[in-house]
Structures are given as structure tokens and as C-alpha cells.
């Protein structure tokens, strides 16, 4: 996170969102083993970096990356509610982002399509594809860190099994 917090050019683009009281509430919602605020910050920053490197609209990518999961959910949701949320939260995030920050059509597409192919909103812009892929990469990283001890435990059991089979 130090790379992110030390990049002043990035923060100038998104400080109005990061300082917003409603957006800060995402820090209280668990998401991928961390909180939704931290997850959104990672997606935003890495999308900013990739799109800037590619010569794309990195300003809108940074904003939309922050807002891609800007929805609120009950912490005590059932498993069924979490599954349903997977499909409907992009529309909720677009609505909230537009209500609180007034977003462009590009930003709407980025947010609405960030769950493709799980939902059927196909990204229309290169920036949308970048956020889509960065979001999945960040989520895998976050899940791995949350569950790495289980992975290591399973690998150790597997290795013990293999060693015993060889004997």
C-alpha cells in the first residue's frame, strides 16, 4: 500500500472520493478478506497505473476503479444474498457513483461491466477491460492472502500422502 499512499499525482485525481464520508463507510464492509475500501483503492491504483502506461484515460479509470464496488450491504447477509449481490451490485454501484460523484458514460461502463463474464454486461472500452482484469487479479491476490494458510496446509497433506505412497 506504500506505493499507493506515496503517489501524489494519483491522489490528486481521486482525493474528493477518498475524503467523502459516504465512500469512507466502505472501510467497514468486509470484502475478499480485507475491506471494500482497501480493495477499491488497490483496483483503482493499479488500473490507474496500467491505463496510464497504455496511454488510455487513466483519470477516469482511477475514479471508476475506486467506485466499482461502491454499494452497501448488510454485514449479516446470507450466502444466498451474497450470491445475488454478485450479479446486482454493479448496477447499484453505478447508481451510487452517479448520485454522489456524477460519473461519465465511460465510468458507468467501467463500473457496470467490471464483473464480466459473471454478469453479461460486456465491457465497451479498453479502460473497462483493464479494470475488469485488474479487479480479478486483485481479488485473487486478496483471497490467496486470506486463505494461504489453508492452501499451505493442504499442500503439506498432499506432500505427506505422496511421500507415503513412494515408500
C-alpha atoms as a PDB file:
ATOM      1  CA  UNK A   1       0.000   0.000   0.000  1.00  0.00           C
ATOM      2  CA  UNK A   2       3.001   2.321   0.360  1.00  0.00           C
ATOM      3  CA  UNK A   3       3.239   2.706  -3.430  1.00  0.00           C
ATOM      4  CA  UNK A   4      -0.331   3.871  -3.453  1.00  0.00           C
ATOM      5  CA  UNK A   5      -0.157   6.235  -0.493  1.00  0.00           C
ATOM      6  CA  UNK A   6       3.030   7.887  -1.793  1.00  0.00           C
ATOM      7  CA  UNK A   7       1.742   8.712  -5.283  1.00  0.00           C
ATOM      8  CA  UNK A   8       0.582  12.333  -5.081  1.00  0.00           C
ATOM      9  CA  UNK A   9      -0.447  12.549  -8.751  1.00  0.00           C
ATOM     10  CA  UNK A  10      -2.836   9.651  -8.221  1.00  0.00           C
ATOM     11  CA  UNK A  11      -4.261  11.124  -5.014  1.00  0.00           C
ATOM     12  CA  UNK A  12      -4.949  14.492  -6.660  1.00  0.00           C
ATOM     13  CA  UNK A  13      -7.224  12.682  -9.142  1.00  0.00           C
ATOM     14  CA  UNK A  14      -9.277  10.854  -6.524  1.00  0.00           C
ATOM     15  CA  UNK A  15      -8.992  12.809  -3.277  1.00  0.00           C
ATOM     16  CA  UNK A  16     -12.580  14.086  -3.461  1.00  0.00           C
ATOM     17  CA  UNK A  17     -13.779  10.463  -3.472  1.00  0.00           C
ATOM     18  CA  UNK A  18     -11.335   9.221  -0.829  1.00  0.00           C
ATOM     19  CA  UNK A  19     -12.356  12.019   1.533  1.00  0.00           C
ATOM     20  CA  UNK A  20     -16.112  11.563   1.019  1.00  0.00           C
ATOM     21  CA  UNK A  21     -17.962  10.468   4.178  1.00  0.00           C
ATOM     22  CA  UNK A  22     -20.213   8.021   2.339  1.00  0.00           C
ATOM     23  CA  UNK A  23     -17.298   6.434   0.478  1.00  0.00           C
ATOM     24  CA  UNK A  24     -15.315   6.065   3.712  1.00  0.00           C
ATOM     25  CA  UNK A  25     -18.089   3.781   5.026  1.00  0.00           C
ATOM     26  CA  UNK A  26     -16.741   1.090   2.669  1.00  0.00           C
ATOM     27  CA  UNK A  27     -13.927   0.656   5.191  1.00  0.00           C
ATOM     28  CA  UNK A  28     -16.451  -1.027   7.500  1.00  0.00           C
ATOM     29  CA  UNK A  29     -17.535  -3.685   4.995  1.00  0.00           C
ATOM     30  CA  UNK A  30     -15.598  -6.959   4.698  1.00  0.00           C
ATOM     31  CA  UNK A  31     -14.594  -7.804   1.147  1.00  0.00           C
ATOM     32  CA  UNK A  32     -12.207 -10.558  -0.028  1.00  0.00           C
ATOM     33  CA  UNK A  33     -10.715 -10.887   3.444  1.00  0.00           C
ATOM     34  CA  UNK A  34      -9.985  -7.158   3.792  1.00  0.00           C
ATOM     35  CA  UNK A  35     -12.459  -4.293   3.494  1.00  0.00           C
ATOM     36  CA  UNK A  36     -14.168  -2.863   0.435  1.00  0.00           C
ATOM     37  CA  UNK A  37     -12.341   0.486   0.788  1.00  0.00           C
ATOM     38  CA  UNK A  38      -8.881  -1.138   0.620  1.00  0.00           C
ATOM     39  CA  UNK A  39      -9.948  -3.435  -2.218  1.00  0.00           C
ATOM     40  CA  UNK A  40     -11.309  -0.491  -4.234  1.00  0.00           C
ATOM     41  CA  UNK A  41      -8.167   1.535  -3.575  1.00  0.00           C
ATOM     42  CA  UNK A  42      -5.973  -1.285  -4.914  1.00  0.00           C
ATOM     43  CA  UNK A  43      -8.127  -1.765  -8.011  1.00  0.00           C
ATOM     44  CA  UNK A  44      -8.157   1.963  -8.646  1.00  0.00           C
ATOM     45  CA  UNK A  45      -4.425   2.477  -8.232  1.00  0.00           C
ATOM     46  CA  UNK A  46      -3.320  -0.470 -10.346  1.00  0.00           C
ATOM     47  CA  UNK A  47      -5.881   0.404 -13.020  1.00  0.00           C
ATOM     48  CA  UNK A  48      -4.572   3.976 -12.976  1.00  0.00           C
ATOM     49  CA  UNK A  49      -1.033   2.696 -13.444  1.00  0.00           C
ATOM     50  CA  UNK A  50      -1.876   0.254 -16.256  1.00  0.00           C
ATOM     51  CA  UNK A  51      -4.103   2.667 -18.194  1.00  0.00           C
ATOM     52  CA  UNK A  52      -1.567   5.470 -17.864  1.00  0.00           C
ATOM     53  CA  UNK A  53       1.152   3.156 -19.196  1.00  0.00           C
ATOM     54  CA  UNK A  54      -1.129   2.168 -22.102  1.00  0.00           C
ATOM     55  CA  UNK A  55      -1.987   5.784 -22.985  1.00  0.00           C
ATOM     56  CA  UNK A  56      -5.651   5.369 -22.029  1.00  0.00           C
ATOM     57  CA  UNK A  57      -7.891   7.602 -19.927  1.00  0.00           C
ATOM     58  CA  UNK A  58      -6.190   6.953 -16.605  1.00  0.00           C
ATOM     59  CA  UNK A  59      -8.119   9.699 -14.800  1.00  0.00           C
ATOM     60  CA  UNK A  60     -11.491   8.095 -15.417  1.00  0.00           C
ATOM     61  CA  UNK A  61     -10.027   4.646 -14.807  1.00  0.00           C
ATOM     62  CA  UNK A  62      -8.739   5.747 -11.400  1.00  0.00           C
ATOM     63  CA  UNK A  63     -12.126   7.214 -10.427  1.00  0.00           C
ATOM     64  CA  UNK A  64     -14.173   4.280 -11.724  1.00  0.00           C
ATOM     65  CA  UNK A  65     -11.769   1.794 -10.156  1.00  0.00           C
ATOM     66  CA  UNK A  66     -12.488   3.373  -6.787  1.00  0.00           C
ATOM     67  CA  UNK A  67     -16.222   3.357  -7.381  1.00  0.00           C
ATOM     68  CA  UNK A  68     -16.609  -0.105  -8.943  1.00  0.00           C
ATOM     69  CA  UNK A  69     -17.807  -1.623  -5.637  1.00  0.00           C
ATOM     70  CA  UNK A  70     -19.476   1.497  -4.227  1.00  0.00           C
ATOM     71  CA  UNK A  71     -22.533  -0.243  -2.807  1.00  0.00           C
ATOM     72  CA  UNK A  72     -23.650  -1.029   0.693  1.00  0.00           C
ATOM     73  CA  UNK A  73     -24.671  -4.382   2.063  1.00  0.00           C
ATOM     74  CA  UNK A  74     -25.707  -5.847   5.361  1.00  0.00           C
ATOM     75  CA  UNK A  75     -22.773  -7.460   7.157  1.00  0.00           C
ATOM     76  CA  UNK A  76     -25.040 -10.345   8.194  1.00  0.00           C
ATOM     77  CA  UNK A  77     -26.121 -11.279   4.664  1.00  0.00           C
ATOM     78  CA  UNK A  78     -26.963 -14.889   3.956  1.00  0.00           C
ATOM     79  CA  UNK A  79     -24.921 -16.898   1.467  1.00  0.00           C
ATOM     80  CA  UNK A  80     -27.814 -16.602  -0.988  1.00  0.00           C
ATOM     81  CA  UNK A  81     -27.810 -12.794  -0.614  1.00  0.00           C
ATOM     82  CA  UNK A  82     -24.064 -12.704  -1.267  1.00  0.00           C
ATOM     83  CA  UNK A  83     -24.519 -14.707  -4.463  1.00  0.00           C
ATOM     84  CA  UNK A  84     -27.339 -12.427  -5.642  1.00  0.00           C
ATOM     85  CA  UNK A  85     -25.181  -9.386  -4.812  1.00  0.00           C
ATOM     86  CA  UNK A  86     -22.504 -10.697  -7.173  1.00  0.00           C
ATOM     87  CA  UNK A  87     -24.901 -10.137 -10.064  1.00  0.00           C
ATOM     88  CA  UNK A  88     -26.675  -6.943  -9.000  1.00  0.00           C
ATOM     89  CA  UNK A  89     -24.020  -4.860  -7.252  1.00  0.00           C
ATOM     90  CA  UNK A  90     -22.555  -3.306 -10.435  1.00  0.00           C
ATOM     91  CA  UNK A  91     -25.899  -1.576 -11.134  1.00  0.00           C
ATOM     92  CA  UNK A  92     -26.089  -0.402  -7.515  1.00  0.00           C
ATOM     93  CA  UNK A  93     -22.517   0.894  -7.718  1.00  0.00           C
ATOM     94  CA  UNK A  94     -23.271   2.811 -10.946  1.00  0.00           C
ATOM     95  CA  UNK A  95     -26.327   4.398  -9.335  1.00  0.00           C
ATOM     96  CA  UNK A  96     -24.435   5.367  -6.166  1.00  0.00           C
ATOM     97  CA  UNK A  97     -21.396   6.641  -8.073  1.00  0.00           C
ATOM     98  CA  UNK A  98     -23.556   8.811 -10.308  1.00  0.00           C
ATOM     99  CA  UNK A  99     -25.622  10.107  -7.382  1.00  0.00           C
ATOM    100  CA  UNK A 100     -22.637  11.060  -5.217  1.00  0.00           C
ATOM    101  CA  UNK A 101     -19.958  11.921  -7.798  1.00  0.00           C
ATOM    102  CA  UNK A 102     -21.601  12.492 -11.200  1.00  0.00           C
ATOM    103  CA  UNK A 103     -19.814   9.993 -13.430  1.00  0.00           C
ATOM    104  CA  UNK A 104     -19.295   9.898 -17.210  1.00  0.00           C
ATOM    105  CA  UNK A 105     -20.521   7.246 -19.652  1.00  0.00           C
ATOM    106  CA  UNK A 106     -17.036   5.696 -19.704  1.00  0.00           C
ATOM    107  CA  UNK A 107     -17.001   5.469 -15.914  1.00  0.00           C
ATOM    108  CA  UNK A 108     -20.518   3.981 -15.953  1.00  0.00           C
ATOM    109  CA  UNK A 109     -19.392   1.296 -18.393  1.00  0.00           C
ATOM    110  CA  UNK A 110     -16.292   0.503 -16.325  1.00  0.00           C
ATOM    111  CA  UNK A 111     -18.377   0.026 -13.180  1.00  0.00           C
ATOM    112  CA  UNK A 112     -21.289  -1.775 -14.856  1.00  0.00           C
ATOM    113  CA  UNK A 113     -19.053  -4.274 -16.665  1.00  0.00           C
ATOM    114  CA  UNK A 114     -16.407  -4.985 -14.030  1.00  0.00           C
ATOM    115  CA  UNK A 115     -17.983  -8.375 -13.226  1.00  0.00           C
ATOM    116  CA  UNK A 116     -17.919  -9.689 -16.814  1.00  0.00           C
ATOM    117  CA  UNK A 117     -18.242 -12.608 -17.607  1.00  0.00           C
ATOM    118  CA  UNK A 118     -20.093 -13.394 -14.360  1.00  0.00           C
ATOM    119  CA  UNK A 119     -22.676 -10.815 -15.357  1.00  0.00           C
ATOM    120  CA  UNK A 120     -23.432 -10.237 -19.002  1.00  0.00           C
ATOM    121  CA  UNK A 121     -22.502  -6.572 -19.290  1.00  0.00           C
ATOM    122  CA  UNK A 122     -19.642  -6.754 -21.819  1.00  0.00           C
ATOM    123  CA  UNK A 123     -17.006  -4.007 -21.452  1.00  0.00           C
ATOM    124  CA  UNK A 124     -17.233  -1.467 -24.301  1.00  0.00           C
ATOM    125  CA  UNK A 125     -13.932   0.366 -23.748  1.00  0.00           C
ATOM    126  CA  UNK A 126     -10.296  -0.605 -23.272  1.00  0.00           C
ATOM    127  CA  UNK A 127     -10.361   1.060 -19.846  1.00  0.00           C
ATOM    128  CA  UNK A 128     -13.310  -1.153 -18.877  1.00  0.00           C
ATOM    129  CA  UNK A 129     -11.353  -4.267 -19.822  1.00  0.00           C
ATOM    130  CA  UNK A 130      -8.379  -3.091 -17.780  1.00  0.00           C
ATOM    131  CA  UNK A 131     -10.456  -2.556 -14.626  1.00  0.00           C
ATOM    132  CA  UNK A 132     -12.204  -5.888 -15.245  1.00  0.00           C
ATOM    133  CA  UNK A 133      -8.876  -7.739 -15.320  1.00  0.00           C
ATOM    134  CA  UNK A 134      -7.235  -5.738 -12.535  1.00  0.00           C
ATOM    135  CA  UNK A 135     -10.244  -6.324 -10.264  1.00  0.00           C
ATOM    136  CA  UNK A 136      -9.984 -10.086 -10.775  1.00  0.00           C
ATOM    137  CA  UNK A 137      -6.217 -10.073 -10.237  1.00  0.00           C
ATOM    138  CA  UNK A 138      -6.507  -8.053  -7.035  1.00  0.00           C
ATOM    139  CA  UNK A 139      -9.329 -10.289  -5.766  1.00  0.00           C
ATOM    140  CA  UNK A 140      -7.253 -13.430  -6.365  1.00  0.00           C
ATOM    141  CA  UNK A 141      -4.331 -11.832  -4.515  1.00  0.00           C
ATOM    142  CA  UNK A 142      -6.582 -10.868  -1.591  1.00  0.00           C
ATOM    143  CA  UNK A 143      -8.205 -14.310  -1.411  1.00  0.00           C
ATOM    144  CA  UNK A 144      -4.814 -16.006  -1.520  1.00  0.00           C
ATOM    145  CA  UNK A 145      -3.561 -13.938   1.414  1.00  0.00           C
ATOM    146  CA  UNK A 146      -6.724 -14.603   3.382  1.00  0.00           C
ATOM    147  CA  UNK A 147      -6.636 -18.356   2.795  1.00  0.00           C
ATOM    148  CA  UNK A 148      -2.923 -19.024   2.218  1.00  0.00           C
ATOM    149  CA  UNK A 149      -2.584 -20.955   5.470  1.00  0.00           C
ATOM    150  CA  UNK A 150      -5.281 -23.376   4.240  1.00  0.00           C
ATOM    151  CA  UNK A 151      -3.509 -23.749   0.917  1.00  0.00           C
ATOM    152  CA  UNK A 152      -0.199 -24.473   2.644  1.00  0.00           C
ATOM    153  CA  UNK A 153      -1.903 -26.968   4.973  1.00  0.00           C
ATOM    154  CA  UNK A 154      -3.477 -28.812   2.025  1.00  0.00           C
ATOM    155  CA  UNK A 155      -0.159 -28.844   0.148  1.00  0.00           C
ATOM    156  CA  UNK A 156       1.600 -30.314   3.196  1.00  0.00           C
ATOM    157  CA  UNK A 157      -1.024 -33.050   3.474  1.00  0.00           C
ATOM    158  CA  UNK A 158      -0.651 -33.787  -0.216  1.00  0.00           C
ATOM    159  CA  UNK A 159       3.140 -33.995   0.070  1.00  0.00           C
ATOM    160  CA  UNK A 160       2.841 -36.353   3.044  1.00  0.00           C
ATOM    161  CA  UNK A 161       0.491 -38.512   1.011  1.00  0.00           C
ATOM    162  CA  UNK A 162       2.863 -38.573  -1.962  1.00  0.00           C
ATOM    163  CA  UNK A 163       5.861 -39.407   0.232  1.00  0.00           C
ATOM    164  CA  UNK A 164       3.948 -42.247   1.895  1.00  0.00           C
ATOM    165  CA  UNK A 165       2.919 -43.601  -1.499  1.00  0.00           C
ATOM    166  CA  UNK A 166       6.518 -43.618  -2.691  1.00  0.00           C
ATOM    167  CA  UNK A 167       7.718 -45.621   0.330  1.00  0.00           C
END
